[in-house]
Amino acid sequence: MPLPAPPTPQRRLIRTILLWLLLAFTVAGAALLTHLRTGRWQAGLQEPTTFGPIEVRLPKGWQVTSRNRNGNMRITAREPGGRNVLTITSDASFDPTEFFTRSEEIALSMGERELVRHDEKVDVPGGKGTIIHLVDAHDNPIASIAQVRFASGQTVTVDSQNTGQRTPADEALLFYVTQSLRIHGSPAGTPAQPPANTDGVDI
């Protein structure tokens, strides 16, 4: 039986081109999927709105309420249908214990016993923050919360809650809203340090 003819330079070139095209389509597809899941929120945020000393970009079309109690601002943005709720507070006495307790209850209701924590740093003008992501053993998002400490000394917390399974889009929304935070009168120079321990609980 005769051996197959060795590949010609033209065939090698065609094979190389096809492999590069396949790689390019794979990378482009992954980038498109990421954009569809997360990037849509960049275009889906309204123009900056001011609530007391806080300026923030919230999702378009969401129902927004706010109140100022003894200098502590509380802003609530609710998605139509009530699936997602963002709560933004400027109360420096925020205790993250409630967040971790709630997250554990959510995980148990879904049959998950252990949660893994991932911290994400967020820089904003005049401040530094941390987003805490809690995921299950399969890396599915369970709960997330963000806290930013500004150079002026003010602390702003963004709590993201939803009634269904969290998605990468929910995580991206929290990131973009947190990144849009501004405090009027806060120095825009060297950011403050990220939030440290609060009542013995890392945040």
N, C-alpha and C. Protein backbone atom coordinates (compact mmCIF):
# COMPACT_ATOMS: atom_id res chain seq x y z
N MET A 1 0.86 -1.19 0.00
CA MET A 1 0.00 0.00 0.00
C MET A 1 0.90 1.24 0.00
N PRO A 2 0.70 2.10 -0.97
CA PRO A 2 1.58 3.27 -1.07
C PRO A 2 1.34 4.24 0.09
N LEU A 3 2.41 4.86 0.56
CA LEU A 3 2.32 5.86 1.61
C LEU A 3 1.72 7.15 1.06
N PRO A 4 0.92 7.87 1.92
CA PRO A 4 0.36 9.14 1.45
C PRO A 4 1.47 10.14 1.15
N ALA A 5 1.21 10.97 0.19
CA ALA A 5 2.21 11.96 -0.21
C ALA A 5 2.41 12.96 0.92
N PRO A 6 3.64 13.37 1.14
CA PRO A 6 3.89 14.37 2.20
C PRO A 6 3.14 15.67 1.90
N PRO A 7 2.70 16.36 2.95
CA PRO A 7 1.95 17.60 2.72
C PRO A 7 2.81 18.64 2.01
N THR A 8 2.18 19.32 1.11
CA THR A 8 2.87 20.36 0.37
C THR A 8 2.90 21.64 1.20
N PRO A 9 3.78 22.58 0.86
CA PRO A 9 3.80 23.86 1.59
C PRO A 9 2.46 24.57 1.55
N GLN A 10 1.73 24.42 0.43
CA GLN A 10 0.42 25.07 0.33
C GLN A 10 -0.57 24.48 1.35
N ARG A 11 -0.52 23.14 1.50
CA ARG A 11 -1.42 22.49 2.45
C ARG A 11 -1.07 22.89 3.89
N ARG A 12 0.22 22.95 4.18
CA ARG A 12 0.64 23.38 5.51
C ARG A 12 0.14 24.79 5.81
N LEU A 13 0.24 25.66 4.81
CA LEU A 13 -0.21 27.04 4.98
C LEU A 13 -1.71 27.11 5.22
N ILE A 14 -2.47 26.33 4.44
CA ILE A 14 -3.93 26.32 4.60
C ILE A 14 -4.31 25.79 5.98
N ARG A 15 -3.61 24.71 6.42
CA ARG A 15 -3.91 24.14 7.74
C ARG A 15 -3.60 25.15 8.85
N THR A 16 -2.50 25.86 8.72
CA THR A 16 -2.13 26.86 9.72
C THR A 16 -3.15 27.99 9.77
N ILE A 17 -3.57 28.45 8.59
CA ILE A 17 -4.58 29.52 8.53
C ILE A 17 -5.89 29.07 9.18
N LEU A 18 -6.31 27.83 8.88
CA LEU A 18 -7.56 27.33 9.46
C LEU A 18 -7.48 27.24 10.99
N LEU A 19 -6.32 26.80 11.50
CA LEU A 19 -6.17 26.72 12.95
C LEU A 19 -6.22 28.10 13.60
N TRP A 20 -5.58 29.08 12.97
CA TRP A 20 -5.60 30.45 13.50
C TRP A 20 -7.01 31.03 13.44
N LEU A 21 -7.73 30.73 12.36
CA LEU A 21 -9.12 31.21 12.25
C LEU A 21 -9.99 30.60 13.34
N LEU A 22 -9.79 29.30 13.59
CA LEU A 22 -10.56 28.63 14.64
C LEU A 22 -10.28 29.26 16.00
N LEU A 23 -9.00 29.53 16.27
CA LEU A 23 -8.63 30.17 17.53
C LEU A 23 -9.25 31.56 17.65
N ALA A 24 -9.20 32.32 16.55
CA ALA A 24 -9.76 33.68 16.57
C ALA A 24 -11.26 33.66 16.82
N PHE A 25 -11.99 32.72 16.18
CA PHE A 25 -13.44 32.63 16.38
C PHE A 25 -13.76 32.21 17.82
N THR A 26 -12.93 31.32 18.40
CA THR A 26 -13.16 30.89 19.78
C THR A 26 -12.99 32.06 20.75
N VAL A 27 -11.91 32.82 20.59
CA VAL A 27 -11.66 33.97 21.46
C VAL A 27 -12.75 35.02 21.29
N ALA A 28 -13.13 35.30 20.02
CA ALA A 28 -14.18 36.30 19.76
C ALA A 28 -15.51 35.87 20.35
N GLY A 29 -15.82 34.57 20.26
CA GLY A 29 -17.07 34.07 20.84
C GLY A 29 -17.11 34.22 22.34
N ALA A 30 -15.98 33.91 23.00
CA ALA A 30 -15.91 34.07 24.46
C ALA A 30 -16.06 35.52 24.86
N ALA A 31 -15.42 36.42 24.10
CA ALA A 31 -15.52 37.86 24.40
C ALA A 31 -16.95 38.35 24.22
N LEU A 32 -17.62 37.87 23.16
CA LEU A 32 -19.01 38.28 22.92
C LEU A 32 -19.91 37.79 24.03
N LEU A 33 -19.71 36.54 24.47
CA LEU A 33 -20.54 36.00 25.55
C LEU A 33 -20.35 36.79 26.83
N THR A 34 -19.11 37.14 27.13
CA THR A 34 -18.84 37.94 28.32
C THR A 34 -19.51 39.30 28.23
N HIS A 35 -19.45 39.91 27.05
CA HIS A 35 -20.08 41.22 26.86
C HIS A 35 -21.59 41.14 27.02
N LEU A 36 -22.20 40.09 26.46
CA LEU A 36 -23.64 39.95 26.55
C LEU A 36 -24.07 39.73 27.99
N ARG A 37 -23.23 39.02 28.76
CA ARG A 37 -23.59 38.73 30.14
C ARG A 37 -23.36 39.90 31.08
N THR A 38 -22.31 40.65 30.83
CA THR A 38 -21.90 41.68 31.79
C THR A 38 -21.89 43.08 31.21
N GLY A 39 -21.40 43.24 30.01
CA GLY A 39 -21.19 44.58 29.47
C GLY A 39 -22.46 45.36 29.22
N ARG A 40 -23.58 44.65 29.12
CA ARG A 40 -24.83 45.35 28.84
C ARG A 40 -25.17 46.35 29.94
N TRP A 41 -24.67 46.11 31.16
CA TRP A 41 -25.00 47.03 32.24
C TRP A 41 -24.32 48.37 32.09
N GLN A 42 -23.17 48.40 31.37
CA GLN A 42 -22.50 49.68 31.18
C GLN A 42 -23.41 50.65 30.42
N ALA A 43 -24.10 50.12 29.42
CA ALA A 43 -25.02 50.95 28.64
C ALA A 43 -26.39 51.04 29.31
N GLY A 44 -26.64 50.18 30.31
CA GLY A 44 -27.95 50.15 30.95
C GLY A 44 -28.05 50.97 32.21
N LEU A 45 -27.03 51.78 32.50
CA LEU A 45 -27.07 52.64 33.68
C LEU A 45 -27.48 54.04 33.28
N GLN A 46 -28.30 54.68 34.11
CA GLN A 46 -28.72 56.04 33.84
C GLN A 46 -27.60 57.01 34.18
N GLU A 47 -27.82 58.26 33.86
CA GLU A 47 -26.83 59.29 34.18
C GLU A 47 -26.69 59.42 35.70
N PRO A 48 -25.54 59.93 36.18
CA PRO A 48 -25.34 60.04 37.62
C PRO A 48 -26.45 60.84 38.30
N THR A 49 -26.92 60.32 39.43
CA THR A 49 -27.96 60.97 40.22
C THR A 49 -27.41 61.23 41.62
N THR A 50 -27.75 62.38 42.19
CA THR A 50 -27.24 62.76 43.50
C THR A 50 -28.31 62.55 44.57
N PHE A 51 -27.91 61.87 45.64
CA PHE A 51 -28.76 61.66 46.81
C PHE A 51 -27.96 62.13 48.01
N GLY A 52 -28.26 63.34 48.51
CA GLY A 52 -27.45 63.88 49.60
C GLY A 52 -26.01 64.02 49.14
N PRO A 53 -25.05 63.45 49.87
CA PRO A 53 -23.65 63.56 49.47
C PRO A 53 -23.24 62.50 48.44
N ILE A 54 -24.14 61.52 48.17
CA ILE A 54 -23.78 60.40 47.30
C ILE A 54 -24.22 60.66 45.87
N GLU A 55 -23.31 60.40 44.94
CA GLU A 55 -23.64 60.42 43.51
C GLU A 55 -23.42 59.01 42.97
N VAL A 56 -24.39 58.48 42.22
CA VAL A 56 -24.29 57.10 41.75
C VAL A 56 -25.08 56.94 40.46
N ARG A 57 -24.67 56.00 39.63
CA ARG A 57 -25.41 55.63 38.43
C ARG A 57 -26.19 54.35 38.72
N LEU A 58 -27.51 54.41 38.57
CA LEU A 58 -28.37 53.27 38.86
C LEU A 58 -28.95 52.73 37.55
N PRO A 59 -29.44 51.49 37.54
CA PRO A 59 -29.99 50.90 36.31
C PRO A 59 -31.20 51.68 35.80
N LYS A 60 -31.27 51.82 34.49
CA LYS A 60 -32.40 52.51 33.87
C LYS A 60 -33.68 51.72 34.09
N GLY A 61 -34.76 52.45 34.38
CA GLY A 61 -36.07 51.82 34.51
C GLY A 61 -36.37 51.21 35.86
N TRP A 62 -35.41 51.24 36.79
CA TRP A 62 -35.65 50.68 38.11
C TRP A 62 -36.35 51.70 38.99
N GLN A 63 -37.16 51.21 39.93
CA GLN A 63 -37.84 52.09 40.88
C GLN A 63 -36.87 52.46 42.00
N VAL A 64 -36.71 53.75 42.21
CA VAL A 64 -35.71 54.23 43.17
C VAL A 64 -36.39 55.03 44.28
N THR A 65 -36.05 54.71 45.51
CA THR A 65 -36.49 55.49 46.66
C THR A 65 -35.26 55.82 47.51
N SER A 66 -35.37 56.90 48.27
CA SER A 66 -34.24 57.28 49.12
C SER A 66 -34.75 57.97 50.37
N ARG A 67 -33.93 57.91 51.42
CA ARG A 67 -34.26 58.63 52.65
C ARG A 67 -32.96 59.00 53.35
N ASN A 68 -33.02 60.10 54.05
CA ASN A 68 -31.86 60.60 54.80
C ASN A 68 -32.27 60.66 56.27
N ARG A 69 -31.67 59.79 57.06
CA ARG A 69 -32.01 59.73 58.48
C ARG A 69 -30.78 60.03 59.30
N ASN A 70 -30.81 61.17 59.97
CA ASN A 70 -29.70 61.60 60.83
C ASN A 70 -28.36 61.61 60.08
N GLY A 71 -28.43 62.04 58.83
CA GLY A 71 -27.21 62.14 58.03
C GLY A 71 -26.79 60.86 57.36
N ASN A 72 -27.51 59.75 57.61
CA ASN A 72 -27.21 58.48 56.96
C ASN A 72 -28.16 58.27 55.78
N MET A 73 -27.58 58.17 54.59
CA MET A 73 -28.37 58.05 53.37
C MET A 73 -28.67 56.59 53.08
N ARG A 74 -29.89 56.31 52.65
CA ARG A 74 -30.28 54.96 52.23
C ARG A 74 -31.01 55.06 50.90
N ILE A 75 -30.45 54.43 49.87
CA ILE A 75 -31.02 54.46 48.53
C ILE A 75 -31.38 53.03 48.14
N THR A 76 -32.62 52.83 47.69
CA THR A 76 -33.06 51.50 47.27
C THR A 76 -33.49 51.56 45.82
N ALA A 77 -32.90 50.70 44.98
CA ALA A 77 -33.26 50.59 43.57
C ALA A 77 -33.80 49.19 43.33
N ARG A 78 -35.04 49.11 42.84
CA ARG A 78 -35.72 47.83 42.67
C ARG A 78 -36.03 47.59 41.20
N GLU A 79 -35.61 46.43 40.69
CA GLU A 79 -35.87 46.08 39.29
C GLU A 79 -37.36 45.82 39.10
N PRO A 80 -37.95 46.23 37.96
CA PRO A 80 -39.35 45.90 37.69
C PRO A 80 -39.57 44.39 37.81
N GLY A 81 -40.56 44.00 38.59
CA GLY A 81 -40.77 42.59 38.84
C GLY A 81 -40.16 42.14 40.16
N GLY A 82 -39.25 42.96 40.70
CA GLY A 82 -38.69 42.72 42.02
C GLY A 82 -37.63 41.65 42.11
N ARG A 83 -37.07 41.18 40.96
CA ARG A 83 -36.06 40.13 41.05
C ARG A 83 -34.78 40.62 41.72
N ASN A 84 -34.33 41.82 41.36
CA ASN A 84 -33.10 42.37 41.90
C ASN A 84 -33.38 43.62 42.71
N VAL A 85 -32.66 43.77 43.82
CA VAL A 85 -32.76 44.97 44.64
C VAL A 85 -31.35 45.40 45.04
N LEU A 86 -31.03 46.67 44.81
CA LEU A 86 -29.77 47.25 45.26
C LEU A 86 -30.08 48.21 46.40
N THR A 87 -29.35 48.07 47.50
CA THR A 87 -29.50 48.97 48.63
C THR A 87 -28.16 49.63 48.91
N ILE A 88 -28.14 50.96 48.81
CA ILE A 88 -26.91 51.73 49.01
C ILE A 88 -27.06 52.54 50.28
N THR A 89 -26.13 52.38 51.21
CA THR A 89 -26.20 53.09 52.48
C THR A 89 -24.88 53.77 52.78
N SER A 90 -24.98 54.89 53.49
CA SER A 90 -23.77 55.61 53.90
C SER A 90 -23.57 55.51 55.41
N ASP A 91 -24.16 54.48 56.00
CA ASP A 91 -24.05 54.29 57.44
C ASP A 91 -22.74 53.57 57.76
N ALA A 92 -21.82 54.24 58.41
CA ALA A 92 -20.50 53.67 58.71
C ALA A 92 -20.58 52.53 59.72
N SER A 93 -21.72 52.41 60.40
CA SER A 93 -21.84 51.36 61.42
C SER A 93 -22.33 50.05 60.82
N PHE A 94 -22.32 49.93 59.50
CA PHE A 94 -22.78 48.70 58.84
C PHE A 94 -22.05 47.48 59.40
N ASP A 95 -22.83 46.45 59.72
CA ASP A 95 -22.28 45.22 60.26
C ASP A 95 -22.45 44.11 59.22
N PRO A 96 -21.36 43.60 58.65
CA PRO A 96 -21.47 42.59 57.59
C PRO A 96 -21.93 41.22 58.09
N THR A 97 -22.04 41.05 59.41
CA THR A 97 -22.46 39.75 59.93
C THR A 97 -23.81 39.34 59.35
N GLU A 98 -24.72 40.30 59.21
CA GLU A 98 -26.05 40.02 58.66
C GLU A 98 -25.93 39.47 57.24
N PHE A 99 -25.01 40.07 56.45
CA PHE A 99 -24.81 39.62 55.07
C PHE A 99 -24.36 38.16 55.03
N PHE A 100 -23.38 37.80 55.87
CA PHE A 100 -22.86 36.44 55.86
C PHE A 100 -23.92 35.45 56.36
N THR A 101 -24.69 35.86 57.36
CA THR A 101 -25.76 34.99 57.87
C THR A 101 -26.80 34.75 56.80
N ARG A 102 -27.21 35.81 56.11
CA ARG A 102 -28.21 35.68 55.04
C ARG A 102 -27.68 34.80 53.91
N SER A 103 -26.41 34.96 53.57
CA SER A 103 -25.82 34.18 52.49
C SER A 103 -25.80 32.69 52.83
N GLU A 104 -25.48 32.38 54.10
CA GLU A 104 -25.47 30.99 54.53
C GLU A 104 -26.87 30.38 54.46
N GLU A 105 -27.88 31.17 54.81
CA GLU A 105 -29.26 30.68 54.73
C GLU A 105 -29.65 30.41 53.28
N ILE A 106 -29.24 31.30 52.36
CA ILE A 106 -29.53 31.09 50.94
C ILE A 106 -28.86 29.81 50.46
N ALA A 107 -27.60 29.64 50.84
CA ALA A 107 -26.85 28.46 50.40
C ALA A 107 -27.50 27.17 50.92
N LEU A 108 -27.91 27.17 52.19
CA LEU A 108 -28.54 25.99 52.76
C LEU A 108 -29.85 25.67 52.05
N SER A 109 -30.61 26.71 51.69
CA SER A 109 -31.88 26.48 50.99
C SER A 109 -31.67 25.89 49.60
N MET A 110 -30.46 26.07 49.05
CA MET A 110 -30.14 25.53 47.74
C MET A 110 -29.37 24.21 47.85
N GLY A 111 -29.23 23.69 49.07
CA GLY A 111 -28.55 22.43 49.26
C GLY A 111 -27.04 22.54 49.33
N GLU A 112 -26.53 23.76 49.45
CA GLU A 112 -25.08 23.97 49.53
C GLU A 112 -24.68 24.14 50.99
N ARG A 113 -23.59 23.49 51.39
CA ARG A 113 -23.14 23.56 52.76
C ARG A 113 -21.95 24.49 52.95
N GLU A 114 -21.16 24.64 51.92
CA GLU A 114 -19.96 25.45 52.04
C GLU A 114 -19.95 26.54 50.98
N LEU A 115 -19.52 27.73 51.39
CA LEU A 115 -19.38 28.84 50.47
C LEU A 115 -17.91 29.24 50.39
N VAL A 116 -17.51 29.66 49.20
CA VAL A 116 -16.15 30.13 48.97
C VAL A 116 -16.20 31.63 48.74
N ARG A 117 -15.28 32.34 49.37
CA ARG A 117 -15.26 33.80 49.27
C ARG A 117 -14.18 34.27 48.30
N HIS A 118 -14.58 35.19 47.40
CA HIS A 118 -13.63 35.84 46.50
C HIS A 118 -13.76 37.35 46.69
N ASP A 119 -12.66 38.03 46.97
CA ASP A 119 -12.67 39.49 47.12
C ASP A 119 -12.18 40.15 45.85
N GLU A 120 -12.86 41.21 45.45
CA GLU A 120 -12.51 41.97 44.25
C GLU A 120 -12.31 43.43 44.65
N LYS A 121 -11.16 43.99 44.32
CA LYS A 121 -10.88 45.38 44.65
C LYS A 121 -11.50 46.31 43.60
N VAL A 122 -12.02 47.44 44.08
CA VAL A 122 -12.64 48.43 43.20
C VAL A 122 -12.07 49.80 43.55
N ASP A 123 -11.56 50.50 42.55
CA ASP A 123 -11.06 51.86 42.74
C ASP A 123 -12.08 52.86 42.21
N VAL A 124 -12.39 53.86 43.01
CA VAL A 124 -13.25 54.96 42.58
C VAL A 124 -12.51 56.25 42.92
N PRO A 125 -12.85 57.36 42.26
CA PRO A 125 -12.18 58.63 42.58
C PRO A 125 -12.31 58.97 44.06
N GLY A 126 -11.18 59.08 44.73
CA GLY A 126 -11.20 59.44 46.14
C GLY A 126 -11.53 58.31 47.08
N GLY A 127 -11.52 57.09 46.62
CA GLY A 127 -11.86 55.98 47.51
C GLY A 127 -11.38 54.64 46.99
N LYS A 128 -11.38 53.68 47.89
CA LYS A 128 -11.06 52.30 47.54
C LYS A 128 -12.10 51.39 48.17
N GLY A 129 -12.44 50.34 47.45
CA GLY A 129 -13.46 49.46 47.97
C GLY A 129 -13.17 48.00 47.73
N THR A 130 -14.03 47.17 48.29
CA THR A 130 -13.93 45.73 48.15
C THR A 130 -15.32 45.18 47.86
N ILE A 131 -15.40 44.29 46.87
CA ILE A 131 -16.62 43.54 46.63
C ILE A 131 -16.38 42.11 47.09
N ILE A 132 -17.26 41.64 47.95
CA ILE A 132 -17.18 40.26 48.44
C ILE A 132 -18.14 39.42 47.61
N HIS A 133 -17.60 38.42 46.93
CA HIS A 133 -18.41 37.46 46.18
C HIS A 133 -18.39 36.13 46.94
N LEU A 134 -19.55 35.59 47.24
CA LEU A 134 -19.65 34.26 47.83
C LEU A 134 -20.21 33.32 46.78
N VAL A 135 -19.48 32.24 46.51
CA VAL A 135 -19.89 31.27 45.49
C VAL A 135 -19.97 29.89 46.11
N ASP A 136 -20.69 28.98 45.44
CA ASP A 136 -20.79 27.62 45.94
C ASP A 136 -19.61 26.79 45.43
N ALA A 137 -19.66 25.50 45.70
CA ALA A 137 -18.55 24.62 45.34
C ALA A 137 -18.36 24.52 43.83
N HIS A 138 -19.39 24.88 43.07
CA HIS A 138 -19.31 24.84 41.61
C HIS A 138 -19.04 26.21 41.01
N ASP A 139 -18.66 27.16 41.85
CA ASP A 139 -18.32 28.53 41.44
C ASP A 139 -19.55 29.31 40.96
N ASN A 140 -20.74 28.87 41.36
CA ASN A 140 -21.96 29.63 41.04
C ASN A 140 -22.14 30.74 42.06
N PRO A 141 -22.43 31.98 41.63
CA PRO A 141 -22.59 33.09 42.58
C PRO A 141 -23.80 32.90 43.48
N ILE A 142 -23.61 33.14 44.77
CA ILE A 142 -24.69 33.03 45.75
C ILE A 142 -25.09 34.41 46.26
N ALA A 143 -24.11 35.23 46.63
CA ALA A 143 -24.41 36.56 47.17
C ALA A 143 -23.19 37.45 47.00
N SER A 144 -23.44 38.76 46.93
CA SER A 144 -22.34 39.73 46.80
C SER A 144 -22.71 41.02 47.51
N ILE A 145 -21.67 41.68 48.02
CA ILE A 145 -21.85 42.97 48.68
C ILE A 145 -20.58 43.78 48.48
N ALA A 146 -20.72 45.09 48.42
CA ALA A 146 -19.55 45.96 48.21
C ALA A 146 -19.52 47.04 49.28
N GLN A 147 -18.29 47.47 49.62
CA GLN A 147 -18.13 48.59 50.54
C GLN A 147 -16.96 49.44 50.08
N VAL A 148 -17.19 50.75 50.02
CA VAL A 148 -16.17 51.70 49.58
C VAL A 148 -15.90 52.68 50.71
N ARG A 149 -14.64 52.88 51.01
CA ARG A 149 -14.25 53.88 52.01
C ARG A 149 -13.55 55.03 51.28
N PHE A 150 -14.09 56.23 51.47
CA PHE A 150 -13.55 57.41 50.79
C PHE A 150 -12.53 58.11 51.67
N ALA A 151 -11.68 58.90 51.01
CA ALA A 151 -10.63 59.62 51.72
C ALA A 151 -11.22 60.60 52.73
N SER A 152 -12.46 61.03 52.50
CA SER A 152 -13.12 61.94 53.43
C SER A 152 -13.51 61.25 54.73
N GLY A 153 -13.39 59.93 54.76
CA GLY A 153 -13.77 59.17 55.95
C GLY A 153 -15.13 58.52 55.84
N GLN A 154 -15.92 58.87 54.82
CA GLN A 154 -17.24 58.28 54.66
C GLN A 154 -17.15 56.89 54.06
N THR A 155 -18.07 56.04 54.46
CA THR A 155 -18.13 54.67 53.96
C THR A 155 -19.49 54.44 53.32
N VAL A 156 -19.49 53.85 52.13
CA VAL A 156 -20.73 53.56 51.40
C VAL A 156 -20.77 52.06 51.12
N THR A 157 -21.91 51.45 51.42
CA THR A 157 -22.12 50.02 51.20
C THR A 157 -23.17 49.81 50.12
N VAL A 158 -22.91 48.87 49.22
CA VAL A 158 -23.87 48.51 48.17
C VAL A 158 -24.21 47.03 48.36
N ASP A 159 -25.45 46.77 48.75
CA ASP A 159 -25.90 45.41 49.01
C ASP A 159 -26.77 44.96 47.84
N SER A 160 -26.39 43.85 47.20
CA SER A 160 -27.12 43.33 46.04
C SER A 160 -27.86 42.07 46.44
N GLN A 161 -29.20 42.10 46.33
CA GLN A 161 -30.02 40.94 46.67
C GLN A 161 -30.92 40.59 45.49
N ASN A 162 -31.21 39.32 45.32
CA ASN A 162 -32.14 38.90 44.28
C ASN A 162 -32.90 37.67 44.73
N THR A 163 -34.05 37.45 44.11
CA THR A 163 -34.94 36.37 44.53
C THR A 163 -34.62 35.06 43.83
N GLY A 164 -33.90 35.07 42.72
CA GLY A 164 -33.58 33.85 42.00
C GLY A 164 -32.09 33.55 42.04
N GLN A 165 -31.68 32.65 41.17
CA GLN A 165 -30.26 32.30 41.07
C GLN A 165 -29.48 33.49 40.54
N ARG A 166 -28.40 33.84 41.22
CA ARG A 166 -27.57 34.95 40.75
C ARG A 166 -26.84 34.55 39.47
N THR A 167 -26.57 35.55 38.64
CA THR A 167 -25.91 35.32 37.37
C THR A 167 -24.68 36.23 37.27
N PRO A 168 -23.79 35.97 36.30
CA PRO A 168 -22.67 36.90 36.08
C PRO A 168 -23.13 38.32 35.81
N ALA A 169 -24.31 38.49 35.21
CA ALA A 169 -24.82 39.84 34.97
C ALA A 169 -25.13 40.56 36.27
N ASP A 170 -25.62 39.82 37.28
CA ASP A 170 -25.88 40.43 38.60
C ASP A 170 -24.58 40.89 39.23
N GLU A 171 -23.53 40.07 39.08
CA GLU A 171 -22.22 40.44 39.63
C GLU A 171 -21.66 41.67 38.93
N ALA A 172 -21.84 41.71 37.60
CA ALA A 172 -21.33 42.86 36.84
C ALA A 172 -22.07 44.14 37.21
N LEU A 173 -23.39 44.03 37.42
CA LEU A 173 -24.17 45.20 37.80
C LEU A 173 -23.65 45.79 39.10
N LEU A 174 -23.40 44.94 40.08
CA LEU A 174 -22.88 45.42 41.36
C LEU A 174 -21.54 46.13 41.16
N PHE A 175 -20.68 45.57 40.32
CA PHE A 175 -19.37 46.16 40.07
C PHE A 175 -19.51 47.55 39.44
N TYR A 176 -20.34 47.68 38.40
CA TYR A 176 -20.45 48.95 37.69
C TYR A 176 -21.11 50.02 38.56
N VAL A 177 -22.13 49.64 39.35
CA VAL A 177 -22.77 50.61 40.25
C VAL A 177 -21.78 51.07 41.30
N THR A 178 -21.03 50.13 41.88
CA THR A 178 -20.03 50.49 42.89
C THR A 178 -18.96 51.39 42.30
N GLN A 179 -18.52 51.07 41.10
CA GLN A 179 -17.49 51.86 40.44
C GLN A 179 -17.95 53.28 40.13
N SER A 180 -19.26 53.48 40.02
CA SER A 180 -19.79 54.81 39.69
C SER A 180 -19.96 55.71 40.91
N LEU A 181 -19.75 55.19 42.10
CA LEU A 181 -19.98 55.96 43.33
C LEU A 181 -19.05 57.18 43.43
N ARG A 182 -19.61 58.27 43.88
CA ARG A 182 -18.86 59.49 44.17
C ARG A 182 -19.40 60.08 45.47
N ILE A 183 -18.53 60.73 46.21
CA ILE A 183 -18.96 61.47 47.41
C ILE A 183 -18.59 62.92 47.19
N HIS A 184 -19.58 63.81 47.26
CA HIS A 184 -19.32 65.23 47.08
C HIS A 184 -18.46 65.75 48.23
N GLY A 185 -17.39 66.43 47.87
CA GLY A 185 -16.48 66.97 48.87
C GLY A 185 -15.37 66.04 49.26
N SER A 186 -15.39 64.79 48.68
CA SER A 186 -14.31 63.86 49.00
C SER A 186 -13.09 64.18 48.16
N PRO A 187 -11.89 64.24 48.75
CA PRO A 187 -10.70 64.52 47.97
C PRO A 187 -10.52 63.50 46.85
N ALA A 188 -10.12 63.99 45.68
CA ALA A 188 -9.95 63.10 44.53
C ALA A 188 -8.52 62.64 44.38
N GLY A 189 -7.70 62.87 45.41
CA GLY A 189 -6.28 62.49 45.33
C GLY A 189 -6.06 61.06 45.74
N THR A 190 -5.20 60.86 46.71
CA THR A 190 -4.86 59.51 47.14
C THR A 190 -6.05 58.83 47.78
N PRO A 191 -6.48 57.69 47.24
CA PRO A 191 -7.64 57.01 47.81
C PRO A 191 -7.35 56.50 49.21
N ALA A 192 -8.41 56.32 49.97
CA ALA A 192 -8.27 55.74 51.30
C ALA A 192 -7.98 54.26 51.17
N GLN A 193 -7.63 53.65 52.29
CA GLN A 193 -7.39 52.22 52.29
C GLN A 193 -8.72 51.48 52.20
N PRO A 194 -8.71 50.25 51.64
CA PRO A 194 -9.94 49.46 51.58
C PRO A 194 -10.48 49.22 52.98
N PRO A 195 -11.78 48.98 53.10
CA PRO A 195 -12.37 48.73 54.41
C PRO A 195 -11.66 47.58 55.11
N ALA A 196 -11.45 47.73 56.42
CA ALA A 196 -10.79 46.68 57.19
C ALA A 196 -11.85 45.93 57.99
N ASN A 197 -11.44 45.33 59.10
CA ASN A 197 -12.37 44.55 59.91
C ASN A 197 -13.50 45.40 60.47
N THR A 198 -14.69 44.81 60.52
CA THR A 198 -15.82 45.46 61.16
C THR A 198 -16.38 44.48 62.17
N ASP A 199 -16.22 44.78 63.43
CA ASP A 199 -16.70 43.90 64.49
C ASP A 199 -16.13 42.50 64.33
N GLY A 200 -14.86 42.41 63.97
CA GLY A 200 -14.21 41.12 63.89
C GLY A 200 -14.48 40.33 62.63
N VAL A 201 -15.28 40.88 61.71
CA VAL A 201 -15.59 40.19 60.47
C VAL A 201 -14.92 40.91 59.33
N ASP A 202 -14.09 40.19 58.57
CA ASP A 202 -13.42 40.81 57.43
C ASP A 202 -14.42 41.19 56.37
N ILE A 203 -14.21 42.34 55.76
CA ILE A 203 -15.06 42.74 54.63
C ILE A 203 -14.19 43.36 53.56
